[in-house]
């Protein structure tokens, strides 16, 4: 694949369609090396197998690139923009950056996918006007063809072998993200529930923590669940005029906490942009929720919002902040 040019004063967000390791490396390695030659900071956040391919191909130059396993850093798609992409760009404020980010891979589940697709659409809003190129690889051999079609909607441009094409389906990012604002299944009949009312937040926290402990989460992970639920419940009290309901249950290897209230989230980037440095209070609740949970799904409309938190029972904490700090 021909090495793409890079315009340092604007934002580019191409989808890279590849088939097999050879095509993957033929596109990604020259893009990385061109950035290193131009003294541009480079981040590669891709699943472990592809990360190892890139690391080996770069040889000693791998030490000049920030490398993240996307299955860890981007386990929850909702935290990729604030904690991976924008965090990296902020370290190099004012410089054009090159990023390879692969948030959708073979192994992502149908439950995770709508949040992944929303993430891809919202990158275009979060990085508008920033000097960055974010290349998103898509494995055409193993990914659902419908997901490849969605990539044409979420990326202005497509790179495929020797061609670079404007996407025929790309549209307004906010409207595209709204396509994946989809209803969530109701809690099963065996789910435990508790009402969320003013003055009852401590009871809600204990309820969430107790169920997390009973499900087999480690004390640290159970504390994460309790804090994430507390942030959502506090938002219910703060921003709505009616009570909410929390339902908790286990499904396969996940503990699921689902909170429903009468709010309506109108900002598509809510929970995906870091709080301003001078913002002392407020605005961090959804950021915290995304940072703590393995998956966050939200369905919002006028008069009702349902937020579903997933925490894998057998998964250790990501320790993402420490990972990024060490690698940057």
C-alpha atoms as a PDB file:
ATOM      1  CA  UNK A   1       0.000   0.000   0.000  1.00  0.00           C
ATOM      2  CA  UNK A   2       1.261   3.448  -0.856  1.00  0.00           C
ATOM      3  CA  UNK A   3       2.276   5.432   2.228  1.00  0.00           C
ATOM      4  CA  UNK A   4      -0.446   8.043   2.783  1.00  0.00           C
ATOM      5  CA  UNK A   5       0.456  11.682   3.005  1.00  0.00           C
ATOM      6  CA  UNK A   6      -0.321  13.530   6.201  1.00  0.00           C
ATOM      7  CA  UNK A   7      -1.650  17.054   6.476  1.00  0.00           C
ATOM      8  CA  UNK A   8      -0.280  18.272   9.820  1.00  0.00           C
ATOM      9  CA  UNK A   9      -2.744  21.147  10.218  1.00  0.00           C
ATOM     10  CA  UNK A  10      -6.019  19.200   9.999  1.00  0.00           C
ATOM     11  CA  UNK A  11      -7.832  16.103  11.201  1.00  0.00           C
ATOM     12  CA  UNK A  12      -8.105  12.903   9.181  1.00  0.00           C
ATOM     13  CA  UNK A  13      -9.937   9.740  10.193  1.00  0.00           C
ATOM     14  CA  UNK A  14      -9.670   6.965   7.591  1.00  0.00           C
ATOM     15  CA  UNK A  15     -10.892   3.397   7.916  1.00  0.00           C
ATOM     16  CA  UNK A  16      -8.185   0.962   6.833  1.00  0.00           C
ATOM     17  CA  UNK A  17      -9.649  -2.162   5.212  1.00  0.00           C
ATOM     18  CA  UNK A  18      -7.101  -4.962   5.307  1.00  0.00           C
ATOM     19  CA  UNK A  19      -6.988  -8.688   4.674  1.00  0.00           C
ATOM     20  CA  UNK A  20      -4.286 -10.607   6.496  1.00  0.00           C
ATOM     21  CA  UNK A  21      -1.066  -9.678   8.254  1.00  0.00           C
ATOM     22  CA  UNK A  22       0.818  -8.688   5.107  1.00  0.00           C
ATOM     23  CA  UNK A  23      -1.713  -6.024   4.135  1.00  0.00           C
ATOM     24  CA  UNK A  24      -1.932  -4.862   7.735  1.00  0.00           C
ATOM     25  CA  UNK A  25       1.794  -4.240   7.997  1.00  0.00           C
ATOM     26  CA  UNK A  26       2.050  -2.819   4.482  1.00  0.00           C
ATOM     27  CA  UNK A  27      -0.309  -0.036   5.531  1.00  0.00           C
ATOM     28  CA  UNK A  28       0.523   0.571   9.162  1.00  0.00           C
ATOM     29  CA  UNK A  29       4.316   0.369   9.313  1.00  0.00           C
ATOM     30  CA  UNK A  30       5.041   2.977   6.595  1.00  0.00           C
ATOM     31  CA  UNK A  31       2.466   5.280   8.216  1.00  0.00           C
ATOM     32  CA  UNK A  32       4.262   4.910  11.553  1.00  0.00           C
ATOM     33  CA  UNK A  33       7.742   5.347  10.097  1.00  0.00           C
ATOM     34  CA  UNK A  34       6.685   8.443   8.167  1.00  0.00           C
ATOM     35  CA  UNK A  35       5.498   9.932  11.446  1.00  0.00           C
ATOM     36  CA  UNK A  36       8.747   9.104  13.199  1.00  0.00           C
ATOM     37  CA  UNK A  37      10.741  10.600  10.322  1.00  0.00           C
ATOM     38  CA  UNK A  38       8.704  13.807  10.645  1.00  0.00           C
ATOM     39  CA  UNK A  39       9.203  13.846  14.443  1.00  0.00           C
ATOM     40  CA  UNK A  40       5.464  13.386  14.986  1.00  0.00           C
ATOM     41  CA  UNK A  41       4.304  11.507  18.116  1.00  0.00           C
ATOM     42  CA  UNK A  42       2.832   8.096  17.239  1.00  0.00           C
ATOM     43  CA  UNK A  43       0.388   5.965  19.223  1.00  0.00           C
ATOM     44  CA  UNK A  44      -0.625   2.421  18.251  1.00  0.00           C
ATOM     45  CA  UNK A  45      -3.625   1.035  20.166  1.00  0.00           C
ATOM     46  CA  UNK A  46      -4.650  -2.273  18.601  1.00  0.00           C
ATOM     47  CA  UNK A  47      -5.457  -5.802  19.847  1.00  0.00           C
ATOM     48  CA  UNK A  48      -2.549  -7.826  21.201  1.00  0.00           C
ATOM     49  CA  UNK A  49      -1.935 -10.003  18.118  1.00  0.00           C
ATOM     50  CA  UNK A  50      -1.697  -7.018  15.780  1.00  0.00           C
ATOM     51  CA  UNK A  51       0.280  -5.066  18.360  1.00  0.00           C
ATOM     52  CA  UNK A  52       2.907  -7.789  18.369  1.00  0.00           C
ATOM     53  CA  UNK A  53       3.017  -7.782  14.546  1.00  0.00           C
ATOM     54  CA  UNK A  54       3.695  -4.043  14.568  1.00  0.00           C
ATOM     55  CA  UNK A  55       6.227  -4.271  17.379  1.00  0.00           C
ATOM     56  CA  UNK A  56       8.270  -6.908  15.548  1.00  0.00           C
ATOM     57  CA  UNK A  57       8.104  -5.067  12.231  1.00  0.00           C
ATOM     58  CA  UNK A  58       9.353  -1.835  13.801  1.00  0.00           C
ATOM     59  CA  UNK A  59      12.278  -3.459  15.575  1.00  0.00           C
ATOM     60  CA  UNK A  60      14.215  -0.932  17.647  1.00  0.00           C
ATOM     61  CA  UNK A  61      11.910   1.857  16.468  1.00  0.00           C
ATOM     62  CA  UNK A  62       9.098   0.317  18.546  1.00  0.00           C
ATOM     63  CA  UNK A  63      10.637   2.087  21.544  1.00  0.00           C
ATOM     64  CA  UNK A  64       9.798   5.424  19.907  1.00  0.00           C
ATOM     65  CA  UNK A  65       6.079   4.577  19.656  1.00  0.00           C
ATOM     66  CA  UNK A  66       3.454   4.483  22.426  1.00  0.00           C
ATOM     67  CA  UNK A  67       1.917   1.010  22.292  1.00  0.00           C
ATOM     68  CA  UNK A  68      -1.353  -0.066  23.938  1.00  0.00           C
ATOM     69  CA  UNK A  69      -3.277  -3.330  23.815  1.00  0.00           C
ATOM     70  CA  UNK A  70      -6.699  -2.053  22.746  1.00  0.00           C
ATOM     71  CA  UNK A  71      -8.407  -5.042  24.359  1.00  0.00           C
ATOM     72  CA  UNK A  72      -7.234  -3.558  27.685  1.00  0.00           C
ATOM     73  CA  UNK A  73      -7.153   0.189  27.018  1.00  0.00           C
ATOM     74  CA  UNK A  74     -10.356   0.112  24.969  1.00  0.00           C
ATOM     75  CA  UNK A  75     -12.196  -2.727  26.660  1.00  0.00           C
ATOM     76  CA  UNK A  76     -14.957  -0.173  27.218  1.00  0.00           C
ATOM     77  CA  UNK A  77     -15.258   1.813  23.947  1.00  0.00           C
ATOM     78  CA  UNK A  78     -16.593   4.777  25.929  1.00  0.00           C
ATOM     79  CA  UNK A  79     -13.216   5.470  27.491  1.00  0.00           C
ATOM     80  CA  UNK A  80     -11.106   5.358  24.315  1.00  0.00           C
ATOM     81  CA  UNK A  81     -11.615   8.989  23.312  1.00  0.00           C
ATOM     82  CA  UNK A  82     -10.904  10.617  26.704  1.00  0.00           C
ATOM     83  CA  UNK A  83      -8.376   8.205  28.191  1.00  0.00           C
ATOM     84  CA  UNK A  84      -6.479   6.994  25.136  1.00  0.00           C
ATOM     85  CA  UNK A  85      -6.805   9.300  22.130  1.00  0.00           C
ATOM     86  CA  UNK A  86      -7.286  12.736  23.695  1.00  0.00           C
ATOM     87  CA  UNK A  87      -4.924  11.862  26.554  1.00  0.00           C
ATOM     88  CA  UNK A  88      -2.183  11.149  24.026  1.00  0.00           C
ATOM     89  CA  UNK A  89      -2.942  14.286  22.000  1.00  0.00           C
ATOM     90  CA  UNK A  90      -2.919  16.400  25.179  1.00  0.00           C
ATOM     91  CA  UNK A  91       0.591  15.248  26.073  1.00  0.00           C
ATOM     92  CA  UNK A  92       1.694  16.575  22.666  1.00  0.00           C
ATOM     93  CA  UNK A  93      -0.537  19.648  22.527  1.00  0.00           C
ATOM     94  CA  UNK A  94       0.114  21.753  19.433  1.00  0.00           C
ATOM     95  CA  UNK A  95       1.927  18.998  17.532  1.00  0.00           C
ATOM     96  CA  UNK A  96       0.364  16.849  14.816  1.00  0.00           C
ATOM     97  CA  UNK A  97      -0.044  13.300  16.078  1.00  0.00           C
ATOM     98  CA  UNK A  98      -0.453   9.974  14.310  1.00  0.00           C
ATOM     99  CA  UNK A  99      -2.635   7.298  15.836  1.00  0.00           C
ATOM    100  CA  UNK A 100      -3.578   3.787  14.779  1.00  0.00           C
ATOM    101  CA  UNK A 101      -6.628   2.758  16.777  1.00  0.00           C
ATOM    102  CA  UNK A 102      -8.432  -0.547  16.243  1.00  0.00           C
ATOM    103  CA  UNK A 103     -11.539  -0.547  18.456  1.00  0.00           C
ATOM    104  CA  UNK A 104     -13.472  -3.119  16.393  1.00  0.00           C
ATOM    105  CA  UNK A 105     -11.958  -6.546  15.894  1.00  0.00           C
ATOM    106  CA  UNK A 106     -12.956 -10.180  15.502  1.00  0.00           C
ATOM    107  CA  UNK A 107     -14.090 -11.135  18.986  1.00  0.00           C
ATOM    108  CA  UNK A 108     -16.024  -7.979  19.789  1.00  0.00           C
ATOM    109  CA  UNK A 109     -19.544  -9.066  20.715  1.00  0.00           C
ATOM    110  CA  UNK A 110     -22.865  -7.893  19.328  1.00  0.00           C
ATOM    111  CA  UNK A 111     -23.550  -6.404  22.770  1.00  0.00           C
ATOM    112  CA  UNK A 112     -20.378  -4.319  22.616  1.00  0.00           C
ATOM    113  CA  UNK A 113     -20.671  -3.327  18.974  1.00  0.00           C
ATOM    114  CA  UNK A 114     -23.173  -0.401  19.144  1.00  0.00           C
ATOM    115  CA  UNK A 115     -20.906   1.356  21.663  1.00  0.00           C
ATOM    116  CA  UNK A 116     -17.935   0.711  19.352  1.00  0.00           C
ATOM    117  CA  UNK A 117     -19.719   2.176  16.341  1.00  0.00           C
ATOM    118  CA  UNK A 118     -20.826   5.213  18.356  1.00  0.00           C
ATOM    119  CA  UNK A 119     -17.215   5.711  19.407  1.00  0.00           C
ATOM    120  CA  UNK A 120     -16.040   5.660  15.792  1.00  0.00           C
ATOM    121  CA  UNK A 121     -18.616   8.279  14.782  1.00  0.00           C
ATOM    122  CA  UNK A 122     -17.863  10.529  17.752  1.00  0.00           C
ATOM    123  CA  UNK A 123     -14.118  10.637  17.094  1.00  0.00           C
ATOM    124  CA  UNK A 124     -15.002  13.003  14.263  1.00  0.00           C
ATOM    125  CA  UNK A 125     -16.605  15.438  16.701  1.00  0.00           C
ATOM    126  CA  UNK A 126     -14.023  15.099  19.459  1.00  0.00           C
ATOM    127  CA  UNK A 127     -11.067  15.745  17.132  1.00  0.00           C
ATOM    128  CA  UNK A 128     -12.600  18.270  14.733  1.00  0.00           C
ATOM    129  CA  UNK A 129      -9.974  20.910  13.962  1.00  0.00           C
ATOM    130  CA  UNK A 130      -7.167  19.091  15.775  1.00  0.00           C
ATOM    131  CA  UNK A 131      -3.918  18.246  13.963  1.00  0.00           C
ATOM    132  CA  UNK A 132      -4.233  14.471  14.069  1.00  0.00           C
ATOM    133  CA  UNK A 133      -4.613  11.454  11.837  1.00  0.00           C
ATOM    134  CA  UNK A 134      -6.408   8.487  13.390  1.00  0.00           C
ATOM    135  CA  UNK A 135      -6.314   5.350  11.241  1.00  0.00           C
ATOM    136  CA  UNK A 136      -8.809   2.620  12.202  1.00  0.00           C
ATOM    137  CA  UNK A 137      -8.031  -0.859  10.806  1.00  0.00           C
ATOM    138  CA  UNK A 138     -10.879  -3.233   9.889  1.00  0.00           C
ATOM    139  CA  UNK A 139     -10.212  -6.914   9.194  1.00  0.00           C
ATOM    140  CA  UNK A 140     -12.280  -7.648   6.091  1.00  0.00           C
ATOM    141  CA  UNK A 141     -11.750 -11.413   6.436  1.00  0.00           C
ATOM    142  CA  UNK A 142     -13.208 -11.787   9.912  1.00  0.00           C
ATOM    143  CA  UNK A 143     -15.449  -8.824  10.714  1.00  0.00           C
ATOM    144  CA  UNK A 144     -19.207  -8.898  10.059  1.00  0.00           C
ATOM    145  CA  UNK A 145     -19.859  -7.297   6.635  1.00  0.00           C
ATOM    146  CA  UNK A 146     -22.528  -5.103   8.237  1.00  0.00           C
ATOM    147  CA  UNK A 147     -19.835  -3.649  10.488  1.00  0.00           C
ATOM    148  CA  UNK A 148     -17.714  -2.849   7.450  1.00  0.00           C
ATOM    149  CA  UNK A 149     -20.675  -1.000   5.956  1.00  0.00           C
ATOM    150  CA  UNK A 150     -21.004   0.971   9.174  1.00  0.00           C
ATOM    151  CA  UNK A 151     -17.318   1.893   8.931  1.00  0.00           C
ATOM    152  CA  UNK A 152     -18.161   3.729   5.710  1.00  0.00           C
ATOM    153  CA  UNK A 153     -20.658   5.803   7.711  1.00  0.00           C
ATOM    154  CA  UNK A 154     -18.274   6.626  10.546  1.00  0.00           C
ATOM    155  CA  UNK A 155     -15.135   7.415   8.524  1.00  0.00           C
ATOM    156  CA  UNK A 156     -14.802  10.192   5.914  1.00  0.00           C
ATOM    157  CA  UNK A 157     -12.207   8.203   4.004  1.00  0.00           C
ATOM    158  CA  UNK A 158     -11.313   4.557   3.297  1.00  0.00           C
ATOM    159  CA  UNK A 159      -7.870   3.104   2.648  1.00  0.00           C
ATOM    160  CA  UNK A 160      -7.906  -0.223   0.844  1.00  0.00           C
ATOM    161  CA  UNK A 161      -4.729  -1.726  -0.603  1.00  0.00           C
ATOM    162  CA  UNK A 162      -3.388   0.872  -3.041  1.00  0.00           C
ATOM    163  CA  UNK A 163      -6.494   3.068  -3.054  1.00  0.00           C
ATOM    164  CA  UNK A 164      -7.657   5.968  -0.950  1.00  0.00           C
ATOM    165  CA  UNK A 165     -11.333   6.790  -1.421  1.00  0.00           C
ATOM    166  CA  UNK A 166     -13.804   9.243  -0.003  1.00  0.00           C
ATOM    167  CA  UNK A 167     -16.470   7.256   1.799  1.00  0.00           C
ATOM    168  CA  UNK A 168     -19.767   7.295  -0.112  1.00  0.00           C
ATOM    169  CA  UNK A 169     -21.796   6.810   3.096  1.00  0.00           C
ATOM    170  CA  UNK A 170     -20.120   9.219   5.501  1.00  0.00           C
ATOM    171  CA  UNK A 171     -22.556  11.622   7.107  1.00  0.00           C
ATOM    172  CA  UNK A 172     -23.053  13.941  10.059  1.00  0.00           C
ATOM    173  CA  UNK A 173     -21.216  12.287  13.000  1.00  0.00           C
ATOM    174  CA  UNK A 174     -23.870  13.145  15.600  1.00  0.00           C
ATOM    175  CA  UNK A 175     -26.631  11.715  13.427  1.00  0.00           C
ATOM    176  CA  UNK A 176     -24.576   8.601  12.728  1.00  0.00           C
ATOM    177  CA  UNK A 177     -23.895   8.095  16.440  1.00  0.00           C
ATOM    178  CA  UNK A 178     -27.633   8.450  17.073  1.00  0.00           C
ATOM    179  CA  UNK A 179     -28.254   5.451  14.808  1.00  0.00           C
ATOM    180  CA  UNK A 180     -26.662   3.310  17.519  1.00  0.00           C
ATOM    181  CA  UNK A 181     -28.720   4.844  20.323  1.00  0.00           C
ATOM    182  CA  UNK A 182     -30.722   1.628  20.510  1.00  0.00           C
ATOM    183  CA  UNK A 183     -33.218   0.290  23.070  1.00  0.00           C
ATOM    184  CA  UNK A 184     -31.764  -2.030  25.688  1.00  0.00           C
ATOM    185  CA  UNK A 185     -33.362  -5.267  26.774  1.00  0.00           C
ATOM    186  CA  UNK A 186     -35.374  -5.011  29.997  1.00  0.00           C
ATOM    187  CA  UNK A 187     -33.916  -6.649  33.100  1.00  0.00           C
ATOM    188  CA  UNK A 188     -34.768 -10.324  33.539  1.00  0.00           C
ATOM    189  CA  UNK A 189     -37.473 -11.239  36.021  1.00  0.00           C
ATOM    190  CA  UNK A 190     -34.890 -12.498  38.516  1.00  0.00           C
ATOM    191  CA  UNK A 191     -33.018  -9.161  38.628  1.00  0.00           C
ATOM    192  CA  UNK A 192     -32.750  -7.475  42.012  1.00  0.00           C
ATOM    193  CA  UNK A 193     -34.044  -3.892  42.064  1.00  0.00           C
ATOM    194  CA  UNK A 194     -33.916  -0.821  44.272  1.00  0.00           C
ATOM    195  CA  UNK A 195     -35.489   2.592  43.890  1.00  0.00           C
ATOM    196  CA  UNK A 196     -33.327   5.697  43.598  1.00  0.00           C
ATOM    197  CA  UNK A 197     -34.671   8.608  45.587  1.00  0.00           C
ATOM    198  CA  UNK A 198     -33.217  11.638  47.293  1.00  0.00           C
ATOM    199  CA  UNK A 199     -31.556  10.670  50.559  1.00  0.00           C
ATOM    200  CA  UNK A 200     -31.148   7.027  49.523  1.00  0.00           C
ATOM    201  CA  UNK A 201     -27.802   7.107  47.720  1.00  0.00           C
ATOM    202  CA  UNK A 202     -25.932   5.323  50.503  1.00  0.00           C
ATOM    203  CA  UNK A 203     -28.421   2.442  50.326  1.00  0.00           C
ATOM    204  CA  UNK A 204     -28.008   2.274  46.542  1.00  0.00           C
ATOM    205  CA  UNK A 205     -24.212   2.110  46.901  1.00  0.00           C
ATOM    206  CA  UNK A 206     -24.435  -0.708  49.448  1.00  0.00           C
ATOM    207  CA  UNK A 207     -26.959  -2.552  47.268  1.00  0.00           C
ATOM    208  CA  UNK A 208     -24.615  -2.425  44.250  1.00  0.00           C
ATOM    209  CA  UNK A 209     -21.542  -3.381  46.283  1.00  0.00           C
ATOM    210  CA  UNK A 210     -23.276  -6.314  47.961  1.00  0.00           C
ATOM    211  CA  UNK A 211     -24.442  -7.747  44.645  1.00  0.00           C
ATOM    212  CA  UNK A 212     -20.994  -7.235  43.111  1.00  0.00           C
ATOM    213  CA  UNK A 213     -19.387  -9.113  46.001  1.00  0.00           C
ATOM    214  CA  UNK A 214     -21.967 -11.895  45.813  1.00  0.00           C
ATOM    215  CA  UNK A 215     -21.326 -12.249  42.065  1.00  0.00           C
ATOM    216  CA  UNK A 216     -17.662 -12.951  42.780  1.00  0.00           C
ATOM    217  CA  UNK A 217     -15.960  -9.688  41.854  1.00  0.00           C
ATOM    218  CA  UNK A 218     -12.796  -8.807  43.725  1.00  0.00           C
ATOM    219  CA  UNK A 219     -13.184  -6.155  46.430  1.00  0.00           C
ATOM    220  CA  UNK A 220     -11.531  -3.581  44.143  1.00  0.00           C
ATOM    221  CA  UNK A 221     -13.852  -4.378  41.250  1.00  0.00           C
ATOM    222  CA  UNK A 222     -16.880  -4.381  43.545  1.00  0.00           C
ATOM    223  CA  UNK A 223     -15.850  -0.929  44.768  1.00  0.00           C
ATOM    224  CA  UNK A 224     -15.623   0.218  41.126  1.00  0.00           C
ATOM    225  CA  UNK A 225     -19.191  -0.983  40.535  1.00  0.00           C
ATOM    226  CA  UNK A 226     -20.455   0.792  43.646  1.00  0.00           C
ATOM    227  CA  UNK A 227     -18.761   4.056  42.632  1.00  0.00           C
ATOM    228  CA  UNK A 228     -20.029   3.877  39.031  1.00  0.00           C
ATOM    229  CA  UNK A 229     -23.591   3.221  40.224  1.00  0.00           C
ATOM    230  CA  UNK A 230     -23.282   6.035  42.756  1.00  0.00           C
ATOM    231  CA  UNK A 231     -22.264   8.479  40.008  1.00  0.00           C
ATOM    232  CA  UNK A 232     -25.262   7.506  37.876  1.00  0.00           C
ATOM    233  CA  UNK A 233     -27.650   7.637  40.813  1.00  0.00           C
ATOM    234  CA  UNK A 234     -26.329  11.065  41.812  1.00  0.00           C
ATOM    235  CA  UNK A 235     -26.998  12.260  38.257  1.00  0.00           C
ATOM    236  CA  UNK A 236     -30.554  10.970  38.564  1.00  0.00           C
ATOM    237  CA  UNK A 237     -31.100  12.987  41.750  1.00  0.00           C
ATOM    238  CA  UNK A 238     -29.336  16.053  40.363  1.00  0.00           C
ATOM    239  CA  UNK A 239     -30.793  16.244  36.864  1.00  0.00           C
ATOM    240  CA  UNK A 240     -34.280  14.697  36.938  1.00  0.00           C
ATOM    241  CA  UNK A 241     -37.553  15.472  38.678  1.00  0.00           C
ATOM    242  CA  UNK A 242     -38.584  11.861  39.240  1.00  0.00           C
ATOM    243  CA  UNK A 243     -37.121   8.802  40.893  1.00  0.00           C
ATOM    244  CA  UNK A 244     -35.031   6.165  39.165  1.00  0.00           C
ATOM    245  CA  UNK A 245     -34.692   2.400  39.391  1.00  0.00           C
ATOM    246  CA  UNK A 246     -31.539   0.282  39.561  1.00  0.00           C
ATOM    247  CA  UNK A 247     -31.661  -3.371  38.491  1.00  0.00           C
ATOM    248  CA  UNK A 248     -28.744  -5.768  39.031  1.00  0.00           C
ATOM    249  CA  UNK A 249     -28.218  -9.265  37.666  1.00  0.00           C
ATOM    250  CA  UNK A 250     -25.571 -11.596  36.294  1.00  0.00           C
ATOM    251  CA  UNK A 251     -25.476 -12.814  32.716  1.00  0.00           C
ATOM    252  CA  UNK A 252     -22.825 -15.269  31.561  1.00  0.00           C
ATOM    253  CA  UNK A 253     -19.569 -13.785  32.935  1.00  0.00           C
ATOM    254  CA  UNK A 254     -20.889 -10.245  33.467  1.00  0.00           C
ATOM    255  CA  UNK A 255     -22.419  -8.424  36.376  1.00  0.00           C
ATOM    256  CA  UNK A 256     -24.929  -5.993  34.857  1.00  0.00           C
ATOM    257  CA  UNK A 257     -26.256  -2.879  36.580  1.00  0.00           C
ATOM    258  CA  UNK A 258     -29.015  -1.055  34.701  1.00  0.00           C
ATOM    259  CA  UNK A 259     -30.289   2.321  35.841  1.00  0.00           C
ATOM    260  CA  UNK A 260     -33.396   3.912  34.341  1.00  0.00           C
ATOM    261  CA  UNK A 261     -34.629   7.422  35.039  1.00  0.00           C
ATOM    262  CA  UNK A 262     -36.549  10.279  33.414  1.00  0.00           C
ATOM    263  CA  UNK A 263     -33.504  12.189  32.164  1.00  0.00           C
ATOM    264  CA  UNK A 264     -32.482  12.844  28.577  1.00  0.00           C
ATOM    265  CA  UNK A 265     -28.832  13.062  27.521  1.00  0.00           C
ATOM    266  CA  UNK A 266     -28.634  15.477  24.598  1.00  0.00           C
ATOM    267  CA  UNK A 267     -24.857  15.878  24.301  1.00  0.00           C
ATOM    268  CA  UNK A 268     -23.481  13.008  22.170  1.00  0.00           C
ATOM    269  CA  UNK A 269     -20.020  13.516  23.703  1.00  0.00           C
ATOM    270  CA  UNK A 270     -21.224  13.320  27.307  1.00  0.00           C
ATOM    271  CA  UNK A 271     -18.717  11.231  29.249  1.00  0.00           C
ATOM    272  CA  UNK A 272     -16.196  11.240  26.410  1.00  0.00           C
ATOM    273  CA  UNK A 273     -14.422  14.589  26.827  1.00  0.00           C
ATOM    274  CA  UNK A 274     -12.032  15.238  29.730  1.00  0.00           C
ATOM    275  CA  UNK A 275     -13.192  17.836  32.211  1.00  0.00           C
ATOM    276  CA  UNK A 276     -11.543  21.229  31.856  1.00  0.00           C
ATOM    277  CA  UNK A 277      -8.572  21.721  34.230  1.00  0.00           C
ATOM    278  CA  UNK A 278     -10.354  24.627  35.957  1.00  0.00           C
ATOM    279  CA  UNK A 279     -13.611  22.677  36.377  1.00  0.00           C
ATOM    280  CA  UNK A 280     -13.663  21.984  40.110  1.00  0.00           C
ATOM    281  CA  UNK A 281     -17.026  20.230  40.411  1.00  0.00           C
ATOM    282  CA  UNK A 282     -19.496  18.543  38.083  1.00  0.00           C
ATOM    283  CA  UNK A 283     -19.047  17.147  34.598  1.00  0.00           C
ATOM    284  CA  UNK A 284     -17.012  14.127  35.616  1.00  0.00           C
ATOM    285  CA  UNK A 285     -19.703  11.593  36.514  1.00  0.00           C
ATOM    286  CA  UNK A 286     -20.016   9.845  33.155  1.00  0.00           C
ATOM    287  CA  UNK A 287     -16.253  10.041  32.646  1.00  0.00           C
ATOM    288  CA  UNK A 288     -15.802   8.157  35.905  1.00  0.00           C
ATOM    289  CA  UNK A 289     -18.412   5.593  34.912  1.00  0.00           C
ATOM    290  CA  UNK A 290     -16.670   4.938  31.598  1.00  0.00           C
ATOM    291  CA  UNK A 291     -13.301   4.674  33.318  1.00  0.00           C
ATOM    292  CA  UNK A 292     -14.504   2.096  35.844  1.00  0.00           C
ATOM    293  CA  UNK A 293     -16.655  -0.240  33.763  1.00  0.00           C
ATOM    294  CA  UNK A 294     -15.895  -2.812  31.083  1.00  0.00           C
ATOM    295  CA  UNK A 295     -18.832  -1.693  28.939  1.00  0.00           C
ATOM    296  CA  UNK A 296     -21.357   1.132  29.151  1.00  0.00           C
ATOM    297  CA  UNK A 297     -24.451   1.098  26.964  1.00  0.00           C
ATOM    298  CA  UNK A 298     -26.960   3.967  26.985  1.00  0.00           C
ATOM    299  CA  UNK A 299     -30.358   4.423  25.406  1.00  0.00           C
ATOM    300  CA  UNK A 300     -31.659   7.964  25.801  1.00  0.00           C
ATOM    301  CA  UNK A 301     -34.702   9.783  24.497  1.00  0.00           C
ATOM    302  CA  UNK A 302     -37.024  12.540  25.654  1.00  0.00           C
ATOM    303  CA  UNK A 303     -38.228  11.666  29.142  1.00  0.00           C
ATOM    304  CA  UNK A 304     -36.195   8.492  29.649  1.00  0.00           C
ATOM    305  CA  UNK A 305     -32.599   7.304  29.844  1.00  0.00           C
ATOM    306  CA  UNK A 306     -31.421   3.760  30.506  1.00  0.00           C
ATOM    307  CA  UNK A 307     -27.746   3.159  31.239  1.00  0.00           C
ATOM    308  CA  UNK A 308     -26.373  -0.370  31.412  1.00  0.00           C
ATOM    309  CA  UNK A 309     -23.040  -1.103  33.083  1.00  0.00           C
ATOM    310  CA  UNK A 310     -21.163  -4.352  32.482  1.00  0.00           C
ATOM    311  CA  UNK A 311     -18.379  -5.601  34.701  1.00  0.00           C
ATOM    312  CA  UNK A 312     -16.675  -8.881  33.833  1.00  0.00           C
ATOM    313  CA  UNK A 313     -16.589 -11.126  36.847  1.00  0.00           C
ATOM    314  CA  UNK A 314     -13.299 -12.813  35.990  1.00  0.00           C
ATOM    315  CA  UNK A 315     -11.441  -9.736  34.689  1.00  0.00           C
ATOM    316  CA  UNK A 316      -8.817  -7.724  36.630  1.00  0.00           C
ATOM    317  CA  UNK A 317      -8.850  -3.902  36.720  1.00  0.00           C
ATOM    318  CA  UNK A 318      -7.434  -2.253  33.620  1.00  0.00           C
ATOM    319  CA  UNK A 319      -5.202   0.156  35.578  1.00  0.00           C
ATOM    320  CA  UNK A 320      -5.414   2.290  32.458  1.00  0.00           C
ATOM    321  CA  UNK A 321      -4.294   5.569  33.974  1.00  0.00           C
ATOM    322  CA  UNK A 322      -1.051   4.026  35.213  1.00  0.00           C
ATOM    323  CA  UNK A 323      -0.490   2.301  31.865  1.00  0.00           C
ATOM    324  CA  UNK A 324      -0.887   5.515  29.890  1.00  0.00           C
ATOM    325  CA  UNK A 325       1.246   7.536  32.292  1.00  0.00           C
ATOM    326  CA  UNK A 326       4.071   5.022  32.075  1.00  0.00           C
ATOM    327  CA  UNK A 327       3.925   4.699  28.289  1.00  0.00           C
ATOM    328  CA  UNK A 328       3.674   8.417  27.539  1.00  0.00           C
END
